[in-house]
Amino acid sequence: MESLIEYFAKLGFSEDALTEFLSCIKTRKFAANESILVHGQMENFLSFVDTGVVRYYVIANDKEITFDFAFKDSFYCAYDSFYNRTKTEVYIQALTECQLYSISHENLQRLYEKCETAKKLGRIATEYLLDKKVKRELDLLTKTPQERYEKLLFEQPKYIRQIPLKYLASYIGIVPETLSRIRKRIS
């Protein structure tokens, strides 16, 4: 759980302040290509990616459309389902072997009632997810597919090579052949 402790330490939390929160964390492991959450289920966990790459997608017109990834040292969750306690419309998949540190909705709500640190930690995770969503929407509206790819390549160079071309292309909003041409141009 060292990566989670380090993440919060950078934000000014001591390990002692995290003790109660960490006692509620469950380690979950998934094999490459294993489903973590499927359409129609309810998201019960707010998770931190310790290792691996996670993909979010929907199915529309019988096609998978990738709309987000979560990488090492980041939070992920189908947050609309998690916070509203509704069934999700998304699929979440481990693209690579993944280890996640997760807190259940029930435990998080219980901690919110009695622990000020938990409220701060929950707020940080929520703000992270909201900030990521807004940046993604702005990128889709203001950047070209090549710029979106270059940004992803700059931010996550180690992991890009682990993501199949068809998922990267879908995420950027283009077909795989166009992404191949972009890759050729910038290499």
C-alpha atoms as a PDB file:
ATOM      1  CA  MET A   1       0.000   0.000   0.000  1.00  0.00           C
ATOM      2  CA  GLU A   2       3.093   2.112  -0.176  1.00  0.00           C
ATOM      3  CA  SER A   3       2.082   3.912  -3.379  1.00  0.00           C
ATOM      4  CA  LEU A   4      -1.205   5.056  -1.830  1.00  0.00           C
ATOM      5  CA  ILE A   5       0.556   6.259   1.323  1.00  0.00           C
ATOM      6  CA  GLU A   6       3.143   8.120  -0.799  1.00  0.00           C
ATOM      7  CA  TYR A   7       0.397   9.731  -2.887  1.00  0.00           C
ATOM      8  CA  PHE A   8      -1.310  11.163   0.190  1.00  0.00           C
ATOM      9  CA  ALA A   9       2.004  12.029   1.870  1.00  0.00           C
ATOM     10  CA  LYS A  10       2.739  14.345  -1.080  1.00  0.00           C
ATOM     11  CA  LEU A  11      -0.531  16.096  -0.211  1.00  0.00           C
ATOM     12  CA  GLY A  12       0.532  16.583   3.406  1.00  0.00           C
ATOM     13  CA  PHE A  13      -1.091  13.601   5.151  1.00  0.00           C
ATOM     14  CA  SER A  14       0.966  11.682   7.680  1.00  0.00           C
ATOM     15  CA  GLU A  15       0.723   7.901   7.774  1.00  0.00           C
ATOM     16  CA  ASP A  16      -0.746   8.182  11.278  1.00  0.00           C
ATOM     17  CA  ALA A  17      -3.574  10.373   9.987  1.00  0.00           C
ATOM     18  CA  LEU A  18      -4.328   7.734   7.348  1.00  0.00           C
ATOM     19  CA  THR A  19      -4.502   4.754   9.713  1.00  0.00           C
ATOM     20  CA  GLU A  20      -8.280   4.468   9.951  1.00  0.00           C
ATOM     21  CA  PHE A  21      -8.739   5.088   6.231  1.00  0.00           C
ATOM     22  CA  LEU A  22      -6.068   2.517   5.308  1.00  0.00           C
ATOM     23  CA  SER A  23      -7.682  -0.080   7.573  1.00  0.00           C
ATOM     24  CA  CYS A  24     -10.718   0.000   5.239  1.00  0.00           C
ATOM     25  CA  ILE A  25      -8.706  -0.463   2.041  1.00  0.00           C
ATOM     26  CA  LYS A  26      -9.069  -3.745   0.208  1.00  0.00           C
ATOM     27  CA  THR A  27      -6.436  -4.930  -2.273  1.00  0.00           C
ATOM     28  CA  ARG A  28      -8.003  -6.241  -5.471  1.00  0.00           C
ATOM     29  CA  LYS A  29      -6.108  -7.935  -8.308  1.00  0.00           C
ATOM     30  CA  PHE A  30      -7.260  -8.427 -11.876  1.00  0.00           C
ATOM     31  CA  ALA A  31      -5.744 -10.315 -14.788  1.00  0.00           C
ATOM     32  CA  ALA A  32      -5.127  -8.647 -18.148  1.00  0.00           C
ATOM     33  CA  ASN A  33      -8.392  -8.171 -20.074  1.00  0.00           C
ATOM     34  CA  GLU A  34     -10.512  -9.100 -17.051  1.00  0.00           C
ATOM     35  CA  SER A  35     -13.715  -7.137 -16.489  1.00  0.00           C
ATOM     36  CA  ILE A  36     -13.761  -5.079 -13.314  1.00  0.00           C
ATOM     37  CA  LEU A  37     -17.264  -3.660 -13.758  1.00  0.00           C
ATOM     38  CA  VAL A  38     -19.901  -4.274 -16.425  1.00  0.00           C
ATOM     39  CA  HIS A  39     -22.945  -2.426 -17.693  1.00  0.00           C
ATOM     40  CA  GLY A  40     -25.858  -2.892 -15.293  1.00  0.00           C
ATOM     41  CA  GLN A  41     -23.774  -3.389 -12.147  1.00  0.00           C
ATOM     42  CA  MET A  42     -23.429  -0.836  -9.378  1.00  0.00           C
ATOM     43  CA  GLU A  43     -19.977   0.596  -8.676  1.00  0.00           C
ATOM     44  CA  ASN A  44     -19.180  -0.254  -5.064  1.00  0.00           C
ATOM     45  CA  PHE A  45     -15.557   0.872  -4.923  1.00  0.00           C
ATOM     46  CA  LEU A  46     -13.490   4.012  -5.206  1.00  0.00           C
ATOM     47  CA  SER A  47     -10.098   2.686  -6.277  1.00  0.00           C
ATOM     48  CA  PHE A  48      -6.483   3.752  -6.603  1.00  0.00           C
ATOM     49  CA  VAL A  49      -4.422   2.063  -9.326  1.00  0.00           C
ATOM     50  CA  ASP A  50      -1.253   0.652  -7.784  1.00  0.00           C
ATOM     51  CA  THR A  51      -0.131  -1.184 -10.913  1.00  0.00           C
ATOM     52  CA  GLY A  52      -1.500  -1.591 -14.419  1.00  0.00           C
ATOM     53  CA  VAL A  53      -3.811   0.165 -16.851  1.00  0.00           C
ATOM     54  CA  VAL A  54      -7.609   0.337 -16.609  1.00  0.00           C
ATOM     55  CA  ARG A  55      -9.918   1.111 -19.550  1.00  0.00           C
ATOM     56  CA  TYR A  56     -13.410   2.627 -19.445  1.00  0.00           C
ATOM     57  CA  TYR A  57     -15.701   1.985 -22.409  1.00  0.00           C
ATOM     58  CA  VAL A  58     -19.309   1.883 -23.568  1.00  0.00           C
ATOM     59  CA  ILE A  59     -20.961  -0.144 -26.292  1.00  0.00           C
ATOM     60  CA  ALA A  60     -22.882   1.843 -28.891  1.00  0.00           C
ATOM     61  CA  ASN A  61     -24.176   0.457 -32.190  1.00  0.00           C
ATOM     62  CA  ASP A  62     -22.398  -2.830 -31.389  1.00  0.00           C
ATOM     63  CA  LYS A  63     -19.026  -1.040 -31.155  1.00  0.00           C
ATOM     64  CA  GLU A  64     -16.822  -0.562 -28.112  1.00  0.00           C
ATOM     65  CA  ILE A  65     -15.959   3.097 -27.595  1.00  0.00           C
ATOM     66  CA  THR A  66     -13.095   3.753 -25.198  1.00  0.00           C
ATOM     67  CA  PHE A  67     -13.580   7.008 -23.354  1.00  0.00           C
ATOM     68  CA  ASP A  68     -10.968   6.932 -20.603  1.00  0.00           C
ATOM     69  CA  PHE A  69      -7.971   5.174 -19.092  1.00  0.00           C
ATOM     70  CA  ALA A  70      -6.650   5.088 -15.546  1.00  0.00           C
ATOM     71  CA  PHE A  71      -2.951   4.590 -14.963  1.00  0.00           C
ATOM     72  CA  LYS A  72      -0.661   3.835 -12.025  1.00  0.00           C
ATOM     73  CA  ASP A  73      -1.005   6.251  -9.094  1.00  0.00           C
ATOM     74  CA  SER A  74      -4.417   7.558 -10.081  1.00  0.00           C
ATOM     75  CA  PHE A  75      -7.963   7.151  -8.843  1.00  0.00           C
ATOM     76  CA  TYR A  76     -10.659   5.518 -10.871  1.00  0.00           C
ATOM     77  CA  CYS A  77     -14.305   4.737 -10.387  1.00  0.00           C
ATOM     78  CA  ALA A  78     -17.571   4.746 -12.316  1.00  0.00           C
ATOM     79  CA  TYR A  79     -18.331   7.781 -10.199  1.00  0.00           C
ATOM     80  CA  ASP A  80     -21.885   8.422 -11.358  1.00  0.00           C
ATOM     81  CA  SER A  81     -22.827   4.922 -10.201  1.00  0.00           C
ATOM     82  CA  PHE A  82     -20.682   5.106  -7.063  1.00  0.00           C
ATOM     83  CA  TYR A  83     -22.038   8.422  -5.786  1.00  0.00           C
ATOM     84  CA  ASN A  84     -25.642   8.108  -6.998  1.00  0.00           C
ATOM     85  CA  ARG A  85     -25.946   4.404  -6.096  1.00  0.00           C
ATOM     86  CA  THR A  86     -27.299   3.554  -9.543  1.00  0.00           C
ATOM     87  CA  LYS A  87     -26.461   0.889 -12.099  1.00  0.00           C
ATOM     88  CA  THR A  88     -23.640   1.875 -14.407  1.00  0.00           C
ATOM     89  CA  GLU A  89     -23.838   2.226 -18.149  1.00  0.00           C
ATOM     90  CA  VAL A  90     -20.094   1.714 -18.602  1.00  0.00           C
ATOM     91  CA  TYR A  91     -17.677  -1.170 -18.673  1.00  0.00           C
ATOM     92  CA  ILE A  92     -14.371  -1.053 -16.828  1.00  0.00           C
ATOM     93  CA  GLN A  93     -11.631  -3.477 -17.812  1.00  0.00           C
ATOM     94  CA  ALA A  94      -8.107  -4.247 -16.647  1.00  0.00           C
ATOM     95  CA  LEU A  95      -6.034  -3.897 -19.829  1.00  0.00           C
ATOM     96  CA  THR A  96      -2.962  -5.270 -18.097  1.00  0.00           C
ATOM     97  CA  GLU A  97      -2.535  -7.106 -14.832  1.00  0.00           C
ATOM     98  CA  CYS A  98      -3.758  -4.635 -12.228  1.00  0.00           C
ATOM     99  CA  GLN A  99      -3.534  -4.210  -8.515  1.00  0.00           C
ATOM    100  CA  LEU A 100      -6.034  -1.793  -7.032  1.00  0.00           C
ATOM    101  CA  TYR A 101      -6.470  -0.363  -3.564  1.00  0.00           C
ATOM    102  CA  SER A 102     -10.188   0.061  -3.064  1.00  0.00           C
ATOM    103  CA  ILE A 103     -12.546   1.391  -0.435  1.00  0.00           C
ATOM    104  CA  SER A 104     -16.177   0.370  -0.498  1.00  0.00           C
ATOM    105  CA  HIS A 105     -18.946   2.940  -0.685  1.00  0.00           C
ATOM    106  CA  GLU A 106     -20.254   1.692   2.643  1.00  0.00           C
ATOM    107  CA  ASN A 107     -16.895   2.061   4.411  1.00  0.00           C
ATOM    108  CA  LEU A 108     -16.264   5.472   2.885  1.00  0.00           C
ATOM    109  CA  GLN A 109     -19.656   6.758   4.040  1.00  0.00           C
ATOM    110  CA  ARG A 110     -19.034   5.352   7.526  1.00  0.00           C
ATOM    111  CA  LEU A 111     -15.646   7.071   7.680  1.00  0.00           C
ATOM    112  CA  TYR A 112     -17.159  10.352   6.471  1.00  0.00           C
ATOM    113  CA  GLU A 113     -19.424  10.300   9.529  1.00  0.00           C
ATOM    114  CA  LYS A 114     -16.630   9.988  12.043  1.00  0.00           C
ATOM    115  CA  CYS A 115     -13.335  11.017  10.492  1.00  0.00           C
ATOM    116  CA  GLU A 116     -12.339  14.437   9.196  1.00  0.00           C
ATOM    117  CA  THR A 117      -9.330  12.966   7.366  1.00  0.00           C
ATOM    118  CA  ALA A 118     -11.652  10.663   5.388  1.00  0.00           C
ATOM    119  CA  LYS A 119     -13.698  13.672   4.267  1.00  0.00           C
ATOM    120  CA  LYS A 120     -10.536  15.352   3.005  1.00  0.00           C
ATOM    121  CA  LEU A 121      -9.344  12.179   1.263  1.00  0.00           C
ATOM    122  CA  GLY A 122     -12.742  11.658  -0.373  1.00  0.00           C
ATOM    123  CA  ARG A 123     -12.785  15.266  -1.536  1.00  0.00           C
ATOM    124  CA  ILE A 124      -9.299  14.891  -3.047  1.00  0.00           C
ATOM    125  CA  ALA A 125     -10.344  11.767  -4.965  1.00  0.00           C
ATOM    126  CA  THR A 126     -13.565  13.411  -6.187  1.00  0.00           C
ATOM    127  CA  GLU A 127     -11.736  16.570  -7.251  1.00  0.00           C
ATOM    128  CA  TYR A 128      -9.152  14.462  -9.076  1.00  0.00           C
ATOM    129  CA  LEU A 129     -11.853  12.604 -11.028  1.00  0.00           C
ATOM    130  CA  LEU A 130     -13.754  15.816 -11.825  1.00  0.00           C
ATOM    131  CA  ASP A 131     -10.600  17.628 -12.960  1.00  0.00           C
ATOM    132  CA  LYS A 132      -9.686  14.685 -15.192  1.00  0.00           C
ATOM    133  CA  LYS A 133     -13.171  14.673 -16.742  1.00  0.00           C
ATOM    134  CA  VAL A 134     -13.148  18.412 -17.475  1.00  0.00           C
ATOM    135  CA  LYS A 135      -9.674  18.240 -19.040  1.00  0.00           C
ATOM    136  CA  ARG A 136     -10.757  15.319 -21.213  1.00  0.00           C
ATOM    137  CA  GLU A 137     -13.836  17.203 -22.435  1.00  0.00           C
ATOM    138  CA  LEU A 138     -11.782  20.303 -23.220  1.00  0.00           C
ATOM    139  CA  ASP A 139      -9.224  18.210 -25.105  1.00  0.00           C
ATOM    140  CA  LEU A 140     -11.992  16.688 -27.232  1.00  0.00           C
ATOM    141  CA  LEU A 141     -13.339  20.143 -28.031  1.00  0.00           C
ATOM    142  CA  THR A 142     -10.083  22.033 -28.599  1.00  0.00           C
ATOM    143  CA  LYS A 143      -7.322  19.621 -29.660  1.00  0.00           C
ATOM    144  CA  THR A 144      -6.774  17.672 -32.849  1.00  0.00           C
ATOM    145  CA  PRO A 145      -6.497  13.875 -32.694  1.00  0.00           C
ATOM    146  CA  GLN A 146      -2.727  14.194 -33.122  1.00  0.00           C
ATOM    147  CA  GLU A 147      -2.500  16.657 -30.227  1.00  0.00           C
ATOM    148  CA  ARG A 148      -4.606  14.344 -28.045  1.00  0.00           C
ATOM    149  CA  TYR A 149      -2.329  11.422 -28.887  1.00  0.00           C
ATOM    150  CA  GLU A 150       0.836  13.453 -28.260  1.00  0.00           C
ATOM    151  CA  LYS A 151      -0.512  14.593 -24.891  1.00  0.00           C
ATOM    152  CA  LEU A 152      -1.271  11.003 -23.863  1.00  0.00           C
ATOM    153  CA  LEU A 153       2.146   9.909 -25.115  1.00  0.00           C
ATOM    154  CA  PHE A 154       3.830  12.698 -23.118  1.00  0.00           C
ATOM    155  CA  GLU A 155       1.861  11.969 -19.911  1.00  0.00           C
ATOM    156  CA  GLN A 156       2.013   8.163 -20.023  1.00  0.00           C
ATOM    157  CA  PRO A 157       4.850   7.060 -22.351  1.00  0.00           C
ATOM    158  CA  LYS A 158       5.489   3.819 -20.465  1.00  0.00           C
ATOM    159  CA  TYR A 159       1.889   2.653 -20.652  1.00  0.00           C
ATOM    160  CA  ILE A 160       0.945   3.702 -24.182  1.00  0.00           C
ATOM    161  CA  ARG A 161       2.860   0.749 -25.581  1.00  0.00           C
ATOM    162  CA  GLN A 162       0.688  -1.605 -23.498  1.00  0.00           C
ATOM    163  CA  ILE A 163      -2.601  -0.316 -24.905  1.00  0.00           C
ATOM    164  CA  PRO A 164      -3.856  -1.925 -28.129  1.00  0.00           C
ATOM    165  CA  LEU A 165      -4.004   0.467 -31.079  1.00  0.00           C
ATOM    166  CA  LYS A 166      -7.781   0.034 -31.507  1.00  0.00           C
ATOM    167  CA  TYR A 167      -8.410   1.264 -27.930  1.00  0.00           C
ATOM    168  CA  LEU A 168      -6.063   4.230 -28.299  1.00  0.00           C
ATOM    169  CA  ALA A 169      -7.687   5.201 -31.596  1.00  0.00           C
ATOM    170  CA  SER A 170     -11.170   4.946 -30.097  1.00  0.00           C
ATOM    171  CA  TYR A 171     -10.115   7.084 -27.126  1.00  0.00           C
ATOM    172  CA  ILE A 172      -8.703   9.757 -29.416  1.00  0.00           C
ATOM    173  CA  GLY A 173     -11.776   9.607 -31.650  1.00  0.00           C
ATOM    174  CA  ILE A 174     -10.282   8.212 -34.847  1.00  0.00           C
ATOM    175  CA  VAL A 175      -9.903   4.886 -36.651  1.00  0.00           C
ATOM    176  CA  PRO A 176      -6.768   2.750 -36.077  1.00  0.00           C
ATOM    177  CA  GLU A 177      -5.431   3.452 -39.577  1.00  0.00           C
ATOM    178  CA  THR A 178      -5.426   7.201 -38.911  1.00  0.00           C
ATOM    179  CA  LEU A 179      -3.618   6.657 -35.617  1.00  0.00           C
ATOM    180  CA  SER A 180      -1.001   4.563 -37.453  1.00  0.00           C
ATOM    181  CA  ARG A 181      -0.408   7.498 -39.817  1.00  0.00           C
ATOM    182  CA  ILE A 182      -0.127   9.912 -36.850  1.00  0.00           C
ATOM    183  CA  ARG A 183       2.381   7.620 -35.181  1.00  0.00           C
ATOM    184  CA  LYS A 184       4.441   7.455 -38.388  1.00  0.00           C
ATOM    185  CA  ARG A 185       4.413  11.244 -38.731  1.00  0.00           C
ATOM    186  CA  ILE A 186       5.650  11.938 -35.215  1.00  0.00           C
ATOM    187  CA  SER A 187       8.223   9.136 -34.937  1.00  0.00           C
END
